[in-house]
């Protein structure tokens, strides 16, 4: 048959280097994590680690702000987690500030 593969061609080789769009550096493929499809990820490992650290810091800062603005609710939730009674949240009245 004319359209059957004969196996005479060498297999397709992957590129040995890749450019990271985050840092704009060309690096060896080993510096990139592998996706579930077996391909190198979009960003290099150091850039992905840096992005993960920044995301964790933002999350921690948001939690600190929530605790600072709602200390009573936070303490009630801590008591609940530590085995205390059900938290009683104070309902806001008409004149209470938000």
PDB file of N, CA and C in Angstrom:
ATOM      1  N   UNK A   1       0.845  -1.181   0.000  1.00  0.00           N
ATOM      2  CA  UNK A   1       0.000   0.000   0.000  1.00  0.00           C
ATOM      3  C   UNK A   1       0.891   1.246   0.000  1.00  0.00           C
ATOM      4  N   UNK A   2       0.515   2.271  -0.712  1.00  0.00           N
ATOM      5  CA  UNK A   2       1.389   3.443  -0.821  1.00  0.00           C
ATOM      6  C   UNK A   2       1.355   4.346   0.405  1.00  0.00           C
ATOM      7  N   UNK A   3       0.304   4.315   1.240  1.00  0.00           N
ATOM      8  CA  UNK A   3       0.200   5.242   2.358  1.00  0.00           C
ATOM      9  C   UNK A   3       0.551   4.618   3.708  1.00  0.00           C
ATOM     10  N   UNK A   4       1.037   3.398   3.706  1.00  0.00           N
ATOM     11  CA  UNK A   4       1.414   2.767   4.964  1.00  0.00           C
ATOM     12  C   UNK A   4       2.790   3.259   5.394  1.00  0.00           C
ATOM     13  N   UNK A   5       2.951   3.530   6.702  1.00  0.00           N
ATOM     14  CA  UNK A   5       4.286   3.955   7.159  1.00  0.00           C
ATOM     15  C   UNK A   5       5.265   2.795   7.067  1.00  0.00           C
ATOM     16  N   UNK A   6       6.442   3.078   6.590  1.00  0.00           N
ATOM     17  CA  UNK A   6       7.442   2.030   6.399  1.00  0.00           C
ATOM     18  C   UNK A   6       8.397   1.913   7.573  1.00  0.00           C
ATOM     19  N   UNK A   7       8.441   2.931   8.439  1.00  0.00           N
ATOM     20  CA  UNK A   7       9.358   2.887   9.569  1.00  0.00           C
ATOM     21  C   UNK A   7      10.772   3.253   9.189  1.00  0.00           C
ATOM     22  N   UNK A   8      10.981   3.766   8.008  1.00  0.00           N
ATOM     23  CA  UNK A   8      12.321   4.110   7.568  1.00  0.00           C
ATOM     24  C   UNK A   8      12.752   5.495   8.027  1.00  0.00           C
ATOM     25  N   UNK A   9      11.809   6.328   8.373  1.00  0.00           N
ATOM     26  CA  UNK A   9      12.160   7.676   8.831  1.00  0.00           C
ATOM     27  C   UNK A   9      12.546   7.640  10.309  1.00  0.00           C
ATOM     28  N   UNK A  10      13.490   8.485  10.694  1.00  0.00           N
ATOM     29  CA  UNK A  10      13.829   8.541  12.121  1.00  0.00           C
ATOM     30  C   UNK A  10      12.687   9.188  12.909  1.00  0.00           C
ATOM     31  N   UNK A  11      12.528   8.834  14.173  1.00  0.00           N
ATOM     32  CA  UNK A  11      11.461   9.449  14.972  1.00  0.00           C
ATOM     33  C   UNK A  11      11.704  10.947  15.142  1.00  0.00           C
ATOM     34  N   UNK A  12      10.622  11.686  15.315  1.00  0.00           N
ATOM     35  CA  UNK A  12      10.705  13.135  15.486  1.00  0.00           C
ATOM     36  C   UNK A  12      11.376  13.441  16.816  1.00  0.00           C
ATOM     37  N   UNK A  13      12.399  14.288  16.782  1.00  0.00           N
ATOM     38  CA  UNK A  13      13.131  14.652  17.982  1.00  0.00           C
ATOM     39  C   UNK A  13      12.557  15.938  18.559  1.00  0.00           C
ATOM     40  N   UNK A  14      12.454  15.997  19.880  1.00  0.00           N
ATOM     41  CA  UNK A  14      12.002  17.222  20.541  1.00  0.00           C
ATOM     42  C   UNK A  14      13.155  18.215  20.628  1.00  0.00           C
ATOM     43  N   UNK A  15      12.787  19.467  20.748  1.00  0.00           N
ATOM     44  CA  UNK A  15      13.805  20.508  20.888  1.00  0.00           C
ATOM     45  C   UNK A  15      14.519  20.339  22.232  1.00  0.00           C
ATOM     46  N   UNK A  16      15.793  20.584  22.265  1.00  0.00           N
ATOM     47  CA  UNK A  16      16.574  20.428  23.482  1.00  0.00           C
ATOM     48  C   UNK A  16      16.474  21.653  24.384  1.00  0.00           C
ATOM     49  N   UNK A  17      16.000  22.773  23.847  1.00  0.00           N
ATOM     50  CA  UNK A  17      15.855  23.998  24.624  1.00  0.00           C
ATOM     51  C   UNK A  17      14.457  24.571  24.407  1.00  0.00           C
ATOM     52  N   UNK A  18      14.041  25.407  25.334  1.00  0.00           N
ATOM     53  CA  UNK A  18      12.733  26.058  25.245  1.00  0.00           C
ATOM     54  C   UNK A  18      12.847  27.439  25.883  1.00  0.00           C
ATOM     55  N   UNK A  19      12.041  28.390  25.385  1.00  0.00           N
ATOM     56  CA  UNK A  19      12.040  29.741  25.940  1.00  0.00           C
ATOM     57  C   UNK A  19      10.929  29.857  26.968  1.00  0.00           C
ATOM     58  N   UNK A  20      11.263  30.380  28.128  1.00  0.00           N
ATOM     59  CA  UNK A  20      10.290  30.636  29.193  1.00  0.00           C
ATOM     60  C   UNK A  20       9.689  32.021  28.952  1.00  0.00           C
ATOM     61  N   UNK A  21       8.365  32.128  28.810  1.00  0.00           N
ATOM     62  CA  UNK A  21       7.780  33.449  28.559  1.00  0.00           C
ATOM     63  C   UNK A  21       7.818  34.366  29.784  1.00  0.00           C
ATOM     64  N   UNK A  22       7.942  33.797  30.989  1.00  0.00           N
ATOM     65  CA  UNK A  22       7.956  34.615  32.207  1.00  0.00           C
ATOM     66  C   UNK A  22       9.276  35.376  32.358  1.00  0.00           C
ATOM     67  N   UNK A  23      10.392  34.661  32.197  1.00  0.00           N
ATOM     68  CA  UNK A  23      11.699  35.309  32.366  1.00  0.00           C
ATOM     69  C   UNK A  23      12.373  35.612  31.037  1.00  0.00           C
ATOM     70  N   UNK A  24      11.797  35.134  29.937  1.00  0.00           N
ATOM     71  CA  UNK A  24      12.299  35.368  28.587  1.00  0.00           C
ATOM     72  C   UNK A  24      13.697  34.796  28.372  1.00  0.00           C
ATOM     73  N   UNK A  25      14.032  33.719  29.081  1.00  0.00           N
ATOM     74  CA  UNK A  25      15.312  33.040  28.914  1.00  0.00           C
ATOM     75  C   UNK A  25      15.100  31.734  28.169  1.00  0.00           C
ATOM     76  N   UNK A  26      16.055  31.365  27.339  1.00  0.00           N
ATOM     77  CA  UNK A  26      16.044  30.069  26.683  1.00  0.00           C
ATOM     78  C   UNK A  26      16.831  29.113  27.561  1.00  0.00           C
ATOM     79  N   UNK A  27      16.176  28.020  27.952  1.00  0.00           N
ATOM     80  CA  UNK A  27      16.781  27.085  28.904  1.00  0.00           C
ATOM     81  C   UNK A  27      16.616  25.664  28.398  1.00  0.00           C
ATOM     82  N   UNK A  28      17.404  24.721  28.936  1.00  0.00           N
ATOM     83  CA  UNK A  28      17.220  23.314  28.562  1.00  0.00           C
ATOM     84  C   UNK A  28      15.831  22.827  28.997  1.00  0.00           C
ATOM     85  N   UNK A  29      15.313  21.872  28.276  1.00  0.00           N
ATOM     86  CA  UNK A  29      13.980  21.344  28.564  1.00  0.00           C
ATOM     87  C   UNK A  29      13.920  20.743  29.965  1.00  0.00           C
ATOM     88  N   UNK A  30      15.043  20.313  30.501  1.00  0.00           N
ATOM     89  CA  UNK A  30      15.074  19.735  31.852  1.00  0.00           C
ATOM     90  C   UNK A  30      14.696  20.757  32.919  1.00  0.00           C
ATOM     91  N   UNK A  31      14.790  22.041  32.604  1.00  0.00           N
ATOM     92  CA  UNK A  31      14.423  23.096  33.558  1.00  0.00           C
ATOM     93  C   UNK A  31      12.922  23.342  33.603  1.00  0.00           C
ATOM     94  N   UNK A  32      12.132  22.592  32.831  1.00  0.00           N
ATOM     95  CA  UNK A  32      10.692  22.745  32.778  1.00  0.00           C
ATOM     96  C   UNK A  32      10.038  21.491  33.344  1.00  0.00           C
ATOM     97  N   UNK A  33       8.963  21.667  34.102  1.00  0.00           N
ATOM     98  CA  UNK A  33       8.193  20.526  34.578  1.00  0.00           C
ATOM     99  C   UNK A  33       7.481  19.897  33.392  1.00  0.00           C
ATOM    100  N   UNK A  34       7.041  18.662  33.575  1.00  0.00           N
ATOM    101  CA  UNK A  34       6.326  17.966  32.514  1.00  0.00           C
ATOM    102  C   UNK A  34       4.833  17.988  32.808  1.00  0.00           C
ATOM    103  N   UNK A  35       4.025  18.270  31.805  1.00  0.00           N
ATOM    104  CA  UNK A  35       2.570  18.263  31.962  1.00  0.00           C
ATOM    105  C   UNK A  35       2.062  16.826  31.948  1.00  0.00           C
ATOM    106  N   UNK A  36       0.770  16.660  32.167  1.00  0.00           N
ATOM    107  CA  UNK A  36       0.189  15.317  32.151  1.00  0.00           C
ATOM    108  C   UNK A  36       0.216  14.703  30.758  1.00  0.00           C
ATOM    109  N   UNK A  37       0.405  15.526  29.730  1.00  0.00           N
ATOM    110  CA  UNK A  37       0.482  15.029  28.353  1.00  0.00           C
ATOM    111  C   UNK A  37       1.917  14.725  27.935  1.00  0.00           C
ATOM    112  N   UNK A  38       2.867  14.873  28.852  1.00  0.00           N
ATOM    113  CA  UNK A  38       4.256  14.570  28.545  1.00  0.00           C
ATOM    114  C   UNK A  38       5.024  15.701  27.898  1.00  0.00           C
ATOM    115  N   UNK A  39       4.419  16.863  27.816  1.00  0.00           N
ATOM    116  CA  UNK A  39       5.094  18.018  27.214  1.00  0.00           C
ATOM    117  C   UNK A  39       5.669  18.909  28.310  1.00  0.00           C
ATOM    118  N   UNK A  40       6.682  19.721  27.973  1.00  0.00           N
ATOM    119  CA  UNK A  40       7.201  20.666  28.972  1.00  0.00           C
ATOM    120  C   UNK A  40       6.147  21.726  29.303  1.00  0.00           C
ATOM    121  N   UNK A  41       6.114  22.155  30.552  1.00  0.00           N
ATOM    122  CA  UNK A  41       5.139  23.169  30.967  1.00  0.00           C
ATOM    123  C   UNK A  41       5.483  24.516  30.349  1.00  0.00           C
ATOM    124  N   UNK A  42       4.601  25.485  30.549  1.00  0.00           N
ATOM    125  CA  UNK A  42       4.779  26.792  29.943  1.00  0.00           C
ATOM    126  C   UNK A  42       5.944  27.578  30.500  1.00  0.00           C
ATOM    127  N   UNK A  43       6.122  27.566  31.819  1.00  0.00           N
ATOM    128  CA  UNK A  43       7.178  28.346  32.458  1.00  0.00           C
ATOM    129  C   UNK A  43       8.215  27.412  33.072  1.00  0.00           C
ATOM    130  N   UNK A  44       9.424  27.927  33.245  1.00  0.00           N
ATOM    131  CA  UNK A  44      10.489  27.124  33.845  1.00  0.00           C
ATOM    132  C   UNK A  44      10.221  26.917  35.341  1.00  0.00           C
ATOM    133  N   UNK A  45      10.900  25.950  35.926  1.00  0.00           N
ATOM    134  CA  UNK A  45      10.683  25.609  37.334  1.00  0.00           C
ATOM    135  C   UNK A  45      10.928  26.788  38.279  1.00  0.00           C
ATOM    136  N   UNK A  46      12.030  27.547  38.121  1.00  0.00           N
ATOM    137  CA  UNK A  46      12.233  28.691  39.025  1.00  0.00           C
ATOM    138  C   UNK A  46      11.117  29.726  38.931  1.00  0.00           C
ATOM    139  N   UNK A  47      10.615  29.998  37.728  1.00  0.00           N
ATOM    140  CA  UNK A  47       9.531  30.981  37.582  1.00  0.00           C
ATOM    141  C   UNK A  47       8.243  30.468  38.199  1.00  0.00           C
ATOM    142  N   UNK A  48       7.965  29.179  38.046  1.00  0.00           N
ATOM    143  CA  UNK A  48       6.761  28.598  38.648  1.00  0.00           C
ATOM    144  C   UNK A  48       6.851  28.632  40.174  1.00  0.00           C
ATOM    145  N   UNK A  49       8.034  28.357  40.729  1.00  0.00           N
ATOM    146  CA  UNK A  49       8.226  28.419  42.181  1.00  0.00           C
ATOM    147  C   UNK A  49       8.037  29.843  42.690  1.00  0.00           C
ATOM    148  N   UNK A  50       8.566  30.796  41.965  1.00  0.00           N
ATOM    149  CA  UNK A  50       8.426  32.198  42.362  1.00  0.00           C
ATOM    150  C   UNK A  50       6.957  32.614  42.333  1.00  0.00           C
ATOM    151  N   UNK A  51       6.217  32.189  41.314  1.00  0.00           N
ATOM    152  CA  UNK A  51       4.791  32.510  41.224  1.00  0.00           C
ATOM    153  C   UNK A  51       4.016  31.857  42.360  1.00  0.00           C
ATOM    154  N   UNK A  52       4.378  30.629  42.727  1.00  0.00           N
ATOM    155  CA  UNK A  52       3.700  29.940  43.825  1.00  0.00           C
ATOM    156  C   UNK A  52       3.966  30.646  45.157  1.00  0.00           C
ATOM    157  N   UNK A  53       5.202  31.102  45.372  1.00  0.00           N
ATOM    158  CA  UNK A  53       5.526  31.834  46.608  1.00  0.00           C
ATOM    159  C   UNK A  53       4.739  33.136  46.695  1.00  0.00           C
ATOM    160  N   UNK A  54       4.661  33.859  45.590  1.00  0.00           N
ATOM    161  CA  UNK A  54       3.922  35.119  45.570  1.00  0.00           C
ATOM    162  C   UNK A  54       2.439  34.876  45.847  1.00  0.00           C
ATOM    163  N   UNK A  55       1.884  33.832  45.264  1.00  0.00           N
ATOM    164  CA  UNK A  55       0.483  33.493  45.489  1.00  0.00           C
ATOM    165  C   UNK A  55       0.235  33.142  46.958  1.00  0.00           C
ATOM    166  N   UNK A  56       1.146  32.392  47.575  1.00  0.00           N
ATOM    167  CA  UNK A  56       1.000  32.029  48.985  1.00  0.00           C
ATOM    168  C   UNK A  56       1.072  33.279  49.874  1.00  0.00           C
ATOM    169  N   UNK A  57       1.976  34.196  49.549  1.00  0.00           N
ATOM    170  CA  UNK A  57       2.076  35.434  50.341  1.00  0.00           C
ATOM    171  C   UNK A  57       0.805  36.269  50.236  1.00  0.00           C
ATOM    172  N   UNK A  58       0.241  36.341  49.048  1.00  0.00           N
ATOM    173  CA  UNK A  58      -1.008  37.091  48.871  1.00  0.00           C
ATOM    174  C   UNK A  58      -2.148  36.448  49.657  1.00  0.00           C
ATOM    175  N   UNK A  59      -2.216  35.127  49.612  1.00  0.00           N
ATOM    176  CA  UNK A  59      -3.252  34.413  50.364  1.00  0.00           C
ATOM    177  C   UNK A  59      -3.106  34.656  51.860  1.00  0.00           C
ATOM    178  N   UNK A  60      -1.880  34.581  52.380  1.00  0.00           N
ATOM    179  CA  UNK A  60      -1.633  34.818  53.799  1.00  0.00           C
ATOM    180  C   UNK A  60      -1.997  36.240  54.189  1.00  0.00           C
ATOM    181  N   UNK A  61      -1.677  37.210  53.337  1.00  0.00           N
ATOM    182  CA  UNK A  61      -2.016  38.606  53.631  1.00  0.00           C
ATOM    183  C   UNK A  61      -3.531  38.796  53.661  1.00  0.00           C
ATOM    184  N   UNK A  62      -4.246  38.148  52.753  1.00  0.00           N
ATOM    185  CA  UNK A  62      -5.708  38.253  52.742  1.00  0.00           C
ATOM    186  C   UNK A  62      -6.303  37.652  54.006  1.00  0.00           C
ATOM    187  N   UNK A  63      -5.767  36.533  54.450  1.00  0.00           N
ATOM    188  CA  UNK A  63      -6.260  35.915  55.683  1.00  0.00           C
ATOM    189  C   UNK A  63      -5.993  36.815  56.874  1.00  0.00           C
ATOM    190  N   UNK A  64      -4.800  37.419  56.935  1.00  0.00           N
ATOM    191  CA  UNK A  64      -4.487  38.333  58.043  1.00  0.00           C
ATOM    192  C   UNK A  64      -5.453  39.518  58.059  1.00  0.00           C
ATOM    193  N   UNK A  65      -5.782  40.050  56.889  1.00  0.00           N
ATOM    194  CA  UNK A  65      -6.730  41.164  56.822  1.00  0.00           C
ATOM    195  C   UNK A  65      -8.120  40.733  57.294  1.00  0.00           C
ATOM    196  N   UNK A  66      -8.565  39.567  56.876  1.00  0.00           N
ATOM    197  CA  UNK A  66      -9.871  39.081  57.317  1.00  0.00           C
ATOM    198  C   UNK A  66      -9.918  38.909  58.832  1.00  0.00           C
ATOM    199  N   UNK A  67      -8.846  38.370  59.408  1.00  0.00           N
ATOM    200  CA  UNK A  67      -8.788  38.192  60.861  1.00  0.00           C
ATOM    201  C   UNK A  67      -8.801  39.544  61.558  1.00  0.00           C
ATOM    202  N   UNK A  68      -8.064  40.517  61.008  1.00  0.00           N
ATOM    203  CA  UNK A  68      -7.998  41.840  61.630  1.00  0.00           C
ATOM    204  C   UNK A  68      -9.348  42.551  61.591  1.00  0.00           C
ATOM    205  N   UNK A  69     -10.101  42.386  60.516  1.00  0.00           N
ATOM    206  CA  UNK A  69     -11.381  43.072  60.388  1.00  0.00           C
ATOM    207  C   UNK A  69     -12.534  42.354  61.083  1.00  0.00           C
ATOM    208  N   UNK A  70     -12.368  41.055  61.356  1.00  0.00           N
ATOM    209  CA  UNK A  70     -13.440  40.276  61.983  1.00  0.00           C
ATOM    210  C   UNK A  70     -12.889  39.409  63.120  1.00  0.00           C
ATOM    211  N   UNK A  71     -12.328  40.025  64.170  1.00  0.00           N
ATOM    212  CA  UNK A  71     -11.685  39.232  65.229  1.00  0.00           C
ATOM    213  C   UNK A  71     -12.678  38.378  66.020  1.00  0.00           C
ATOM    214  N   UNK A  72     -13.903  38.843  66.231  1.00  0.00           N
ATOM    215  CA  UNK A  72     -14.865  38.065  67.006  1.00  0.00           C
ATOM    216  C   UNK A  72     -15.234  36.779  66.280  1.00  0.00           C
ATOM    217  N   UNK A  73     -15.497  36.885  64.992  1.00  0.00           N
ATOM    218  CA  UNK A  73     -15.833  35.702  64.217  1.00  0.00           C
ATOM    219  C   UNK A  73     -14.654  34.734  64.173  1.00  0.00           C
ATOM    220  N   UNK A  74     -13.445  35.266  64.056  1.00  0.00           N
ATOM    221  CA  UNK A  74     -12.259  34.420  64.020  1.00  0.00           C
ATOM    222  C   UNK A  74     -12.092  33.653  65.328  1.00  0.00           C
ATOM    223  N   UNK A  75     -12.249  34.336  66.459  1.00  0.00           N
ATOM    224  CA  UNK A  75     -12.125  33.668  67.746  1.00  0.00           C
ATOM    225  C   UNK A  75     -13.202  32.596  67.918  1.00  0.00           C
ATOM    226  N   UNK A  76     -14.415  32.890  67.450  1.00  0.00           N
ATOM    227  CA  UNK A  76     -15.488  31.907  67.540  1.00  0.00           C
ATOM    228  C   UNK A  76     -15.175  30.674  66.690  1.00  0.00           C
ATOM    229  N   UNK A  77     -14.638  30.885  65.514  1.00  0.00           N
ATOM    230  CA  UNK A  77     -14.277  29.752  64.670  1.00  0.00           C
ATOM    231  C   UNK A  77     -13.128  28.958  65.265  1.00  0.00           C
ATOM    232  N   UNK A  78     -12.170  29.625  65.891  1.00  0.00           N
ATOM    233  CA  UNK A  78     -11.082  28.911  66.560  1.00  0.00           C
ATOM    234  C   UNK A  78     -11.621  28.028  67.683  1.00  0.00           C
ATOM    235  N   UNK A  79     -12.557  28.578  68.468  1.00  0.00           N
ATOM    236  CA  UNK A  79     -13.148  27.766  69.547  1.00  0.00           C
ATOM    237  C   UNK A  79     -13.849  26.545  68.973  1.00  0.00           C
ATOM    238  N   UNK A  80     -14.549  26.713  67.870  1.00  0.00           N
ATOM    239  CA  UNK A  80     -15.261  25.600  67.255  1.00  0.00           C
ATOM    240  C   UNK A  80     -14.278  24.531  66.770  1.00  0.00           C
ATOM    241  N   UNK A  81     -13.207  24.952  66.130  1.00  0.00           N
ATOM    242  CA  UNK A  81     -12.221  24.006  65.611  1.00  0.00           C
ATOM    243  C   UNK A  81     -11.526  23.270  66.749  1.00  0.00           C
ATOM    244  N   UNK A  82     -11.297  23.951  67.843  1.00  0.00           N
ATOM    245  CA  UNK A  82     -10.603  23.348  68.980  1.00  0.00           C
ATOM    246  C   UNK A  82     -11.537  22.532  69.869  1.00  0.00           C
ATOM    247  N   UNK A  83     -12.770  22.367  69.440  1.00  0.00           N
ATOM    248  CA  UNK A  83     -13.678  21.523  70.196  1.00  0.00           C
ATOM    249  C   UNK A  83     -14.623  22.280  71.092  1.00  0.00           C
ATOM    250  N   UNK A  84     -14.767  23.555  70.889  1.00  0.00           N
ATOM    251  CA  UNK A  84     -15.667  24.349  71.711  1.00  0.00           C
ATOM    252  C   UNK A  84     -17.094  24.257  71.215  1.00  0.00           C
ATOM    253  N   UNK A  85     -17.907  25.132  71.706  1.00  0.00           N
ATOM    254  CA  UNK A  85     -19.314  25.139  71.310  1.00  0.00           C
ATOM    255  C   UNK A  85     -19.497  25.824  69.959  1.00  0.00           C
ATOM    256  N   UNK A  86     -20.704  25.736  69.471  1.00  0.00           N
ATOM    257  CA  UNK A  86     -21.047  26.353  68.185  1.00  0.00           C
ATOM    258  C   UNK A  86     -20.838  27.866  68.270  1.00  0.00           C
ATOM    259  N   UNK A  87     -20.196  28.487  67.289  1.00  0.00           N
ATOM    260  CA  UNK A  87     -19.972  29.936  67.365  1.00  0.00           C
ATOM    261  C   UNK A  87     -21.284  30.697  67.242  1.00  0.00           C
ATOM    262  N   UNK A  88     -21.396  31.751  68.054  1.00  0.00           N
ATOM    263  CA  UNK A  88     -22.565  32.631  67.964  1.00  0.00           C
ATOM    264  C   UNK A  88     -22.096  33.946  67.383  1.00  0.00           C
ATOM    265  N   UNK A  89     -22.494  34.185  66.163  1.00  0.00           N
ATOM    266  CA  UNK A  89     -22.095  35.424  65.511  1.00  0.00           C
ATOM    267  C   UNK A  89     -23.088  36.510  65.876  1.00  0.00           C
ATOM    268  N   UNK A  90     -22.576  37.680  66.160  1.00  0.00           N
ATOM    269  CA  UNK A  90     -23.410  38.805  66.553  1.00  0.00           C
ATOM    270  C   UNK A  90     -24.089  39.356  65.317  1.00  0.00           C
ATOM    271  N   UNK A  91     -25.396  39.498  65.374  1.00  0.00           N
ATOM    272  CA  UNK A  91     -26.133  40.072  64.244  1.00  0.00           C
ATOM    273  C   UNK A  91     -26.019  41.583  64.302  1.00  0.00           C
ATOM    274  N   UNK A  92     -25.906  42.175  63.160  1.00  0.00           N
ATOM    275  CA  UNK A  92     -25.764  43.625  63.111  1.00  0.00           C
ATOM    276  C   UNK A  92     -27.125  44.284  63.116  1.00  0.00           C
ATOM    277  N   UNK A  93     -27.219  45.332  63.894  1.00  0.00           N
ATOM    278  CA  UNK A  93     -28.465  46.082  63.956  1.00  0.00           C
ATOM    279  C   UNK A  93     -28.470  47.178  62.904  1.00  0.00           C
ATOM    280  N   UNK A  94     -29.504  47.980  62.940  1.00  0.00           N
ATOM    281  CA  UNK A  94     -29.656  49.032  61.950  1.00  0.00           C
ATOM    282  C   UNK A  94     -28.566  50.082  62.110  1.00  0.00           C
ATOM    283  N   UNK A  95     -28.201  50.427  63.328  1.00  0.00           N
ATOM    284  CA  UNK A  95     -27.225  51.492  63.571  1.00  0.00           C
ATOM    285  C   UNK A  95     -25.787  51.028  63.596  1.00  0.00           C
ATOM    286  N   UNK A  96     -25.539  49.709  63.493  1.00  0.00           N
ATOM    287  CA  UNK A  96     -24.167  49.194  63.554  1.00  0.00           C
ATOM    288  C   UNK A  96     -23.416  49.532  62.267  1.00  0.00           C
ATOM    289  N   UNK A  97     -22.141  49.825  62.435  1.00  0.00           N
ATOM    290  CA  UNK A  97     -21.297  50.085  61.258  1.00  0.00           C
ATOM    291  C   UNK A  97     -20.942  48.771  60.597  1.00  0.00           C
ATOM    292  N   UNK A  98     -20.766  48.815  59.300  1.00  0.00           N
ATOM    293  CA  UNK A  98     -20.466  47.586  58.542  1.00  0.00           C
ATOM    294  C   UNK A  98     -19.031  47.190  58.669  1.00  0.00           C
TER     295      UNK A  98
END
